[in-house]
C-alpha atoms as a PDB file:
ATOM      1  CA  MET A   1     133.807 -17.084 122.029  1.00  0.00           C
ATOM      2  CA  SER A   2     133.544 -13.419 122.903  1.00  0.00           C
ATOM      3  CA  ALA A   3     136.233 -11.436 124.678  1.00  0.00           C
ATOM      4  CA  HIS A   4     134.188 -10.975 127.836  1.00  0.00           C
ATOM      5  CA  ILE A   5     133.553 -14.730 128.172  1.00  0.00           C
ATOM      6  CA  ALA A   6     137.256 -15.487 127.611  1.00  0.00           C
ATOM      7  CA  SER A   7     138.174 -12.848 130.200  1.00  0.00           C
ATOM      8  CA  LEU A   8     135.632 -14.227 132.650  1.00  0.00           C
ATOM      9  CA  ILE A   9     136.955 -17.783 132.254  1.00  0.00           C
ATOM     10  CA  ASN A  10     140.516 -16.499 132.639  1.00  0.00           C
ATOM     11  CA  ALA A  11     139.551 -14.599 135.796  1.00  0.00           C
ATOM     12  CA  LEU A  12     137.965 -17.691 137.332  1.00  0.00           C
ATOM     13  CA  ILE A  13     141.031 -19.781 136.486  1.00  0.00           C
ATOM     14  CA  LEU A  14     143.354 -17.153 137.986  1.00  0.00           C
ATOM     15  CA  VAL A  15     141.327 -17.026 141.200  1.00  0.00           C
ATOM     16  CA  GLY A  16     140.845 -20.788 141.517  1.00  0.00           C
ATOM     17  CA  PHE A  17     144.335 -21.910 140.581  1.00  0.00           C
ATOM     18  CA  GLY A  18     145.932 -19.011 142.464  1.00  0.00           C
ATOM     19  CA  LEU A  19     144.092 -19.963 145.654  1.00  0.00           C
ATOM     20  CA  TRP A  20     144.945 -23.617 145.090  1.00  0.00           C
ATOM     21  CA  GLY A  21     148.630 -22.741 144.800  1.00  0.00           C
ATOM     22  CA  TYR A  22     148.551 -20.495 147.862  1.00  0.00           C
ATOM     23  CA  LEU A  23     146.490 -22.731 150.130  1.00  0.00           C
ATOM     24  CA  GLY A  24     148.182 -25.922 148.947  1.00  0.00           C
ATOM     25  CA  SER A  25     151.679 -24.702 149.725  1.00  0.00           C
ATOM     26  CA  GLU A  26     153.503 -25.670 152.881  1.00  0.00           C
ATOM     27  CA  THR A  27     155.216 -22.257 152.872  1.00  0.00           C
ATOM     28  CA  PRO A  28     152.760 -19.911 151.130  1.00  0.00           C
ATOM     29  CA  SER A  29     154.012 -16.563 149.908  1.00  0.00           C
ATOM     30  CA  LYS A  30     151.798 -13.483 149.708  1.00  0.00           C
ATOM     31  CA  THR A  31     152.974 -13.016 146.104  1.00  0.00           C
ATOM     32  CA  ALA A  32     151.134 -16.227 145.223  1.00  0.00           C
ATOM     33  CA  LEU A  33     147.943 -14.212 145.712  1.00  0.00           C
ATOM     34  CA  ILE A  34     148.765 -11.820 142.839  1.00  0.00           C
ATOM     35  CA  PRO A  35     146.871 -13.941 140.263  1.00  0.00           C
ATOM     36  CA  VAL A  36     143.933 -14.070 142.680  1.00  0.00           C
ATOM     37  CA  VAL A  37     143.861 -10.277 142.997  1.00  0.00           C
ATOM     38  CA  ILE A  38     144.123  -9.790 139.224  1.00  0.00           C
ATOM     39  CA  GLY A  39     141.408 -12.421 138.725  1.00  0.00           C
ATOM     40  CA  VAL A  40     139.077 -10.634 141.151  1.00  0.00           C
ATOM     41  CA  LEU A  41     139.726  -7.319 139.379  1.00  0.00           C
ATOM     42  CA  LEU A  42     138.939  -8.944 136.027  1.00  0.00           C
ATOM     43  CA  LEU A  43     135.727 -10.362 137.501  1.00  0.00           C
ATOM     44  CA  LEU A  44     134.740  -6.882 138.681  1.00  0.00           C
ATOM     45  CA  LEU A  45     135.472  -5.435 135.222  1.00  0.00           C
ATOM     46  CA  SER A  46     133.586  -8.226 133.424  1.00  0.00           C
ATOM     47  CA  PRO A  47     130.139  -6.538 133.271  1.00  0.00           C
ATOM     48  CA  SER A  48     131.616  -3.429 131.662  1.00  0.00           C
ATOM     49  CA  VAL A  49     133.708  -5.508 129.262  1.00  0.00           C
ATOM     50  CA  LYS A  50     130.491  -7.310 128.276  1.00  0.00           C
ATOM     51  CA  LYS A  51     128.868  -3.931 127.557  1.00  0.00           C
ATOM     52  CA  GLU A  52     131.881  -3.184 125.315  1.00  0.00           C
ATOM     53  CA  ASN A  53     133.080  -0.241 127.395  1.00  0.00           C
ATOM     54  CA  LYS A  54     136.242   0.673 125.509  1.00  0.00           C
ATOM     55  CA  ILE A  55     138.208   2.082 128.456  1.00  0.00           C
ATOM     56  CA  VAL A  56     137.361  -0.822 130.775  1.00  0.00           C
ATOM     57  CA  ALA A  57     138.199  -3.338 128.043  1.00  0.00           C
ATOM     58  CA  HIS A  58     141.619  -1.737 127.629  1.00  0.00           C
ATOM     59  CA  ILE A  59     142.166  -1.827 131.399  1.00  0.00           C
ATOM     60  CA  ALA A  60     141.220  -5.520 131.385  1.00  0.00           C
ATOM     61  CA  VAL A  61     143.686  -6.157 128.551  1.00  0.00           C
ATOM     62  CA  LEU A  62     146.416  -4.330 130.458  1.00  0.00           C
ATOM     63  CA  LEU A  63     145.760  -6.399 133.602  1.00  0.00           C
ATOM     64  CA  THR A  64     145.713  -9.573 131.510  1.00  0.00           C
ATOM     65  CA  LEU A  65     149.013  -8.674 129.877  1.00  0.00           C
ATOM     66  CA  LEU A  66     150.557  -7.791 133.258  1.00  0.00           C
ATOM     67  CA  ILE A  67     149.572 -11.112 134.810  1.00  0.00           C
ATOM     68  CA  LEU A  68     150.962 -12.980 131.813  1.00  0.00           C
ATOM     69  CA  GLY A  69     154.333 -11.329 132.431  1.00  0.00           C
ATOM     70  CA  GLY A  70     153.956 -11.878 136.163  1.00  0.00           C
ATOM     71  CA  LEU A  71     153.448 -15.607 135.714  1.00  0.00           C
ATOM     72  CA  VAL A  72     156.806 -16.117 133.996  1.00  0.00           C
ATOM     73  CA  LYS A  73     158.806 -16.051 137.247  1.00  0.00           C
ATOM     74  CA  PRO A  74     156.565 -18.551 139.090  1.00  0.00           C
ATOM     75  CA  LEU A  75     156.787 -20.871 136.091  1.00  0.00           C
ATOM     76  CA  THR A  76     160.582 -20.743 136.001  1.00  0.00           C
ATOM     77  CA  ALA A  77     160.720 -21.226 139.780  1.00  0.00           C
ATOM     78  CA  ALA A  78     158.396 -24.248 139.588  1.00  0.00           C
ATOM     79  CA  LEU A  79     160.505 -25.710 136.771  1.00  0.00           C
ATOM     80  CA  GLY A  80     163.635 -25.150 138.879  1.00  0.00           C
ATOM     81  CA  ARG A  81     162.066 -26.954 141.849  1.00  0.00           C
ATOM     82  CA  GLU A  82     160.834 -29.694 139.514  1.00  0.00           C
ATOM     83  CA  ASP A  83     157.379 -29.229 141.042  1.00  0.00           C
ATOM     84  CA  SER A  84     155.167 -30.704 138.323  1.00  0.00           C
ATOM     85  CA  MET A  85     151.917 -29.688 140.021  1.00  0.00           C
ATOM     86  CA  ALA A  86     153.023 -26.046 140.256  1.00  0.00           C
ATOM     87  CA  VAL A  87     154.211 -26.138 136.639  1.00  0.00           C
ATOM     88  CA  MET A  88     150.787 -27.434 135.613  1.00  0.00           C
ATOM     89  CA  ARG A  89     148.919 -24.779 137.640  1.00  0.00           C
ATOM     90  CA  VAL A  90     150.984 -21.882 136.324  1.00  0.00           C
ATOM     91  CA  SER A  91     150.896 -23.263 132.773  1.00  0.00           C
ATOM     92  CA  VAL A  92     147.101 -23.471 132.831  1.00  0.00           C
ATOM     93  CA  MET A  93     146.922 -19.886 134.097  1.00  0.00           C
ATOM     94  CA  MET A  94     149.291 -18.757 131.343  1.00  0.00           C
ATOM     95  CA  VAL A  95     147.390 -20.592 128.595  1.00  0.00           C
ATOM     96  CA  SER A  96     144.048 -19.136 129.716  1.00  0.00           C
ATOM     97  CA  THR A  97     145.636 -15.680 129.895  1.00  0.00           C
ATOM     98  CA  VAL A  98     147.061 -15.957 126.374  1.00  0.00           C
ATOM     99  CA  ALA A  99     143.675 -17.174 125.105  1.00  0.00           C
ATOM    100  CA  ALA A 100     141.937 -14.196 126.739  1.00  0.00           C
ATOM    101  CA  LEU A 101     144.451 -11.844 125.105  1.00  0.00           C
ATOM    102  CA  VAL A 102     143.830 -13.442 121.705  1.00  0.00           C
ATOM    103  CA  PHE A 103     140.063 -12.972 122.063  1.00  0.00           C
ATOM    104  CA  PHE A 104     140.527  -9.362 123.201  1.00  0.00           C
ATOM    105  CA  ILE A 105     142.736  -8.588 120.217  1.00  0.00           C
ATOM    106  CA  LYS A 106     140.291 -10.301 117.870  1.00  0.00           C
ATOM    107  CA  SER A 107     137.413  -8.265 119.286  1.00  0.00           C
ATOM    108  CA  PHE A 108     139.374  -5.015 118.907  1.00  0.00           C
ATOM    109  CA  ILE A 109     140.140  -5.891 115.275  1.00  0.00           C
ATOM    110  CA  ASP A 110     136.474  -6.757 114.625  1.00  0.00           C
ATOM    111  CA  VAL A 111     135.313  -3.443 116.105  1.00  0.00           C
ATOM    112  CA  ARG A 112     137.805  -1.515 113.982  1.00  0.00           C
ATOM    113  CA  ARG A 113     136.707  -3.363 110.812  1.00  0.00           C
ATOM    114  CA  ALA A 114     133.045  -2.707 111.594  1.00  0.00           C
ATOM    115  CA  ARG A 115     133.770   0.969 112.161  1.00  0.00           C
ATOM    116  CA  LYS A 116     135.649   1.225 108.840  1.00  0.00           C
ATOM    117  CA  ALA A 117     132.838  -0.585 107.023  1.00  0.00           C
ATOM    118  CA  LYS A 118     130.277   1.780 108.503  1.00  0.00           C
ATOM    119  CA  VAL A 119     132.317   4.832 107.450  1.00  0.00           C
ATOM    120  CA  ALA A 120     132.727   3.428 103.921  1.00  0.00           C
ATOM    121  CA  GLU A 121     129.009   2.687 103.785  1.00  0.00           C
ATOM    122  CA  GLU A 122     128.115   6.261 104.776  1.00  0.00           C
ATOM    123  CA  ALA A 123     130.454   7.790 102.200  1.00  0.00           C
END
Protein backbone atom coordinates (compact mmCIF):
# COMPACT_ATOMS: atom_id res chain seq x y z
CA MET A 1 0.00 0.00 0.00
CA SER A 2 1.30 3.45 -0.81
CA ALA A 3 1.63 6.27 1.69
CA HIS A 4 -1.10 8.37 0.09
CA ILE A 5 -3.62 5.49 0.23
CA ALA A 6 -2.74 4.80 3.88
CA SER A 7 -3.10 8.51 4.67
CA LEU A 8 -6.41 8.67 2.83
CA ILE A 9 -7.79 5.66 4.72
CA ASN A 10 -6.55 7.15 7.99
CA ALA A 11 -8.22 10.48 7.17
CA LEU A 12 -11.54 8.78 6.44
CA ILE A 13 -11.33 6.80 9.69
CA LEU A 14 -10.51 9.96 11.67
CA VAL A 15 -13.46 11.82 10.16
CA GLY A 16 -15.94 8.94 10.45
CA PHE A 17 -15.01 7.71 13.91
CA GLY A 18 -14.51 11.26 15.20
CA LEU A 19 -18.01 12.25 14.07
CA TRP A 20 -19.41 9.03 15.50
CA GLY A 21 -17.84 9.80 18.87
CA TYR A 22 -19.03 13.41 18.83
CA LEU A 23 -22.56 12.81 17.59
CA GLY A 24 -23.02 9.65 19.65
CA SER A 25 -22.15 11.32 22.93
CA GLU A 26 -24.77 12.52 25.36
CA THR A 27 -22.46 15.37 26.38
CA PRO A 28 -20.32 16.08 23.29
CA SER A 29 -17.18 18.14 23.69
CA LYS A 30 -15.81 20.36 20.94
CA THR A 31 -12.41 18.69 21.45
CA ALA A 32 -13.94 15.47 20.13
CA LEU A 33 -13.94 17.17 16.73
CA ILE A 34 -10.12 17.46 16.65
CA PRO A 35 -9.70 14.11 14.82
CA VAL A 36 -12.37 15.24 12.36
CA VAL A 37 -10.51 18.48 11.62
CA ILE A 38 -7.18 16.67 11.22
CA GLY A 39 -8.89 14.08 9.00
CA VAL A 40 -10.35 16.79 6.77
CA LEU A 41 -6.94 18.46 6.51
CA LEU A 42 -5.37 15.13 5.55
CA LEU A 43 -8.08 14.65 2.92
CA LEU A 44 -7.29 18.08 1.48
CA LEU A 45 -3.56 17.26 1.40
CA SER A 46 -4.14 13.83 -0.17
CA PRO A 47 -3.86 14.87 -3.86
CA SER A 48 -0.50 16.53 -3.25
CA VAL A 49 0.73 13.58 -1.19
CA LYS A 50 -0.25 11.34 -4.12
CA LYS A 51 1.84 13.53 -6.44
CA GLU A 52 4.74 13.01 -3.99
CA ASN A 53 5.02 16.68 -3.07
CA LYS A 54 7.76 16.52 -0.46
CA ILE A 55 6.67 19.52 1.63
CA VAL A 56 3.00 18.49 1.70
CA ALA A 57 3.95 14.90 2.58
CA HIS A 58 5.97 16.17 5.54
CA ILE A 59 3.05 18.36 6.65
CA ALA A 60 0.77 15.31 6.42
CA VAL A 61 3.24 13.29 8.51
CA LEU A 62 3.38 16.06 11.10
CA LEU A 63 -0.43 16.20 11.33
CA THR A 64 -0.56 12.41 11.56
CA LEU A 65 2.00 12.39 14.35
CA LEU A 66 0.17 15.19 16.19
CA ILE A 67 -3.16 13.36 16.09
CA LEU A 68 -1.50 10.18 17.35
CA GLY A 69 -0.28 12.10 20.40
CA GLY A 70 -3.65 13.83 20.70
CA LEU A 71 -5.50 10.52 20.84
CA VAL A 72 -3.64 9.32 23.94
CA LYS A 73 -5.73 11.42 26.35
CA PRO A 74 -9.11 10.34 24.92
CA LEU A 75 -7.98 6.72 25.13
CA THR A 76 -6.96 7.02 28.77
CA ALA A 77 -10.20 8.86 29.56
CA ALA A 78 -12.28 6.16 27.85
CA LEU A 79 -10.37 3.47 29.75
CA GLY A 80 -11.01 5.36 33.00
CA ARG A 81 -14.75 5.55 32.26
CA GLU A 82 -14.71 1.89 31.23
CA ASP A 83 -16.47 2.94 28.01
CA SER A 84 -15.65 0.00 25.74
CA MET A 85 -17.18 1.61 22.65
CA ALA A 86 -15.06 4.76 23.07
CA VAL A 87 -11.97 2.63 23.70
CA MET A 88 -12.67 0.76 20.47
CA ARG A 89 -13.23 3.97 18.46
CA VAL A 90 -10.08 5.66 19.72
CA SER A 91 -8.05 2.46 19.36
CA VAL A 92 -9.09 2.08 15.72
CA MET A 93 -8.13 5.70 15.07
CA MET A 94 -4.76 5.14 16.74
CA VAL A 95 -4.04 1.92 14.83
CA SER A 96 -4.89 3.54 11.48
CA THR A 97 -2.72 6.53 12.40
CA VAL A 98 0.25 4.33 13.30
CA ALA A 99 -0.21 2.38 10.06
CA ALA A 100 -0.24 5.63 8.05
CA LEU A 101 2.96 6.73 9.81
CA VAL A 102 4.62 3.40 9.00
CA PHE A 103 3.73 3.74 5.30
CA PHE A 104 4.96 7.35 5.25
CA ILE A 105 8.28 6.37 6.80
CA LYS A 106 8.61 3.44 4.39
CA SER A 107 7.96 5.73 1.43
CA PHE A 108 10.54 8.25 2.67
CA ILE A 109 13.11 5.46 3.03
CA ASP A 110 12.30 4.14 -0.46
CA VAL A 111 12.71 7.61 -1.99
CA ARG A 112 16.06 8.08 -0.25
CA ARG A 113 17.28 4.65 -1.45
CA ALA A 114 16.18 5.40 -5.01
CA ARG A 115 17.96 8.74 -4.91
CA LYS A 116 21.18 7.12 -3.63
CA ALA A 117 20.96 4.41 -6.29
CA LYS A 118 20.52 7.02 -9.00
CA VAL A 119 23.54 8.99 -7.76
CA ALA A 120 25.65 5.81 -7.62
CA GLU A 121 24.48 4.89 -11.11
CA GLU A 122 25.49 8.29 -12.50
CA ALA A 123 28.94 8.16 -10.91
